[in-house]
Amino acid sequence: MCKYTGKHLSVIKAAEIMGKSQQFVRIGLQRGLLPFGTAVKMSSIWTYYISPKQFCDYVGIKNII
């Protein structure tokens, strides 16, 4: 079980935990390559949702600090 108090995880925090760039996470979500969230293009702006539980499962951690 993933311990995290928020409803979603930011791209910034996900990138930090993974040791990757924010652009890596954004493009991975846009292309459907990362299984822990979604990216939606609204007009010309992308918005992102990262599920804390799916992220923890993917990265193999139990707590997001």
Protein backbone atom coordinates (compact mmCIF):
# COMPACT_ATOMS: atom_id res chain seq x y z
CA MET A 1 0.00 0.00 0.00
CA CYS A 2 1.34 3.40 -1.00
CA LYS A 3 1.33 6.05 1.72
CA TYR A 4 0.65 9.52 0.30
CA THR A 5 -1.76 12.17 1.51
CA GLY A 6 -2.46 13.90 -1.82
CA LYS A 7 -4.97 12.95 -4.51
CA HIS A 8 -2.40 13.11 -7.29
CA LEU A 9 1.33 13.38 -7.71
CA SER A 10 3.03 16.27 -9.51
CA VAL A 11 5.25 15.77 -12.55
CA ILE A 12 8.01 17.52 -10.62
CA LYS A 13 7.84 15.07 -7.69
CA ALA A 14 7.53 12.01 -9.95
CA ALA A 15 10.59 13.07 -11.95
CA GLU A 16 12.57 13.71 -8.76
CA ILE A 17 11.76 10.26 -7.35
CA MET A 18 12.55 8.52 -10.64
CA GLY A 19 15.79 10.43 -11.14
CA LYS A 20 14.59 11.59 -14.57
CA SER A 21 13.78 14.97 -16.07
CA GLN A 22 10.32 16.51 -15.93
CA GLN A 23 10.26 16.39 -19.74
CA PHE A 24 10.89 12.61 -19.62
CA VAL A 25 7.81 12.15 -17.42
CA ARG A 26 5.64 14.52 -19.48
CA ILE A 27 6.50 12.93 -22.82
CA GLY A 28 6.16 9.42 -21.40
CA LEU A 29 2.66 10.26 -20.17
CA GLN A 30 1.74 12.00 -23.44
CA ARG A 31 2.77 8.95 -25.46
CA GLY A 32 1.18 6.44 -23.08
CA LEU A 33 4.54 4.85 -22.27
CA LEU A 34 4.35 5.31 -18.49
CA PRO A 35 1.54 3.25 -16.90
CA PHE A 36 0.95 5.40 -13.82
CA GLY A 37 -0.94 8.37 -15.22
CA THR A 38 -2.45 10.21 -18.14
CA ALA A 39 -1.85 13.33 -20.18
CA VAL A 40 -4.66 15.27 -21.82
CA LYS A 41 -4.25 18.09 -24.30
CA MET A 42 -6.80 20.83 -23.66
CA SER A 43 -6.62 23.36 -26.49
CA SER A 44 -2.86 23.86 -26.72
CA ILE A 45 -1.99 23.07 -23.10
CA TRP A 46 -1.23 19.61 -21.70
CA THR A 47 -2.52 18.62 -18.26
CA TYR A 48 -1.25 15.62 -16.31
CA TYR A 49 -2.61 13.20 -13.73
CA ILE A 50 -0.33 10.79 -11.88
CA SER A 51 -1.92 8.18 -9.61
CA PRO A 52 0.10 7.84 -6.39
CA LYS A 53 -0.76 4.14 -6.04
CA GLN A 54 0.12 3.24 -9.63
CA PHE A 55 3.30 5.32 -9.39
CA CYS A 56 4.39 3.53 -6.19
CA ASP A 57 3.73 0.15 -7.81
CA TYR A 58 5.69 1.10 -10.94
CA VAL A 59 8.69 2.53 -9.10
CA GLY A 60 8.61 -0.07 -6.32
CA ILE A 61 8.30 2.22 -3.30
CA LYS A 62 5.90 2.24 -0.35
CA ASN A 63 5.97 5.89 0.71
CA ILE A 64 6.07 9.16 -1.16
CA ILE A 65 7.73 11.80 0.97
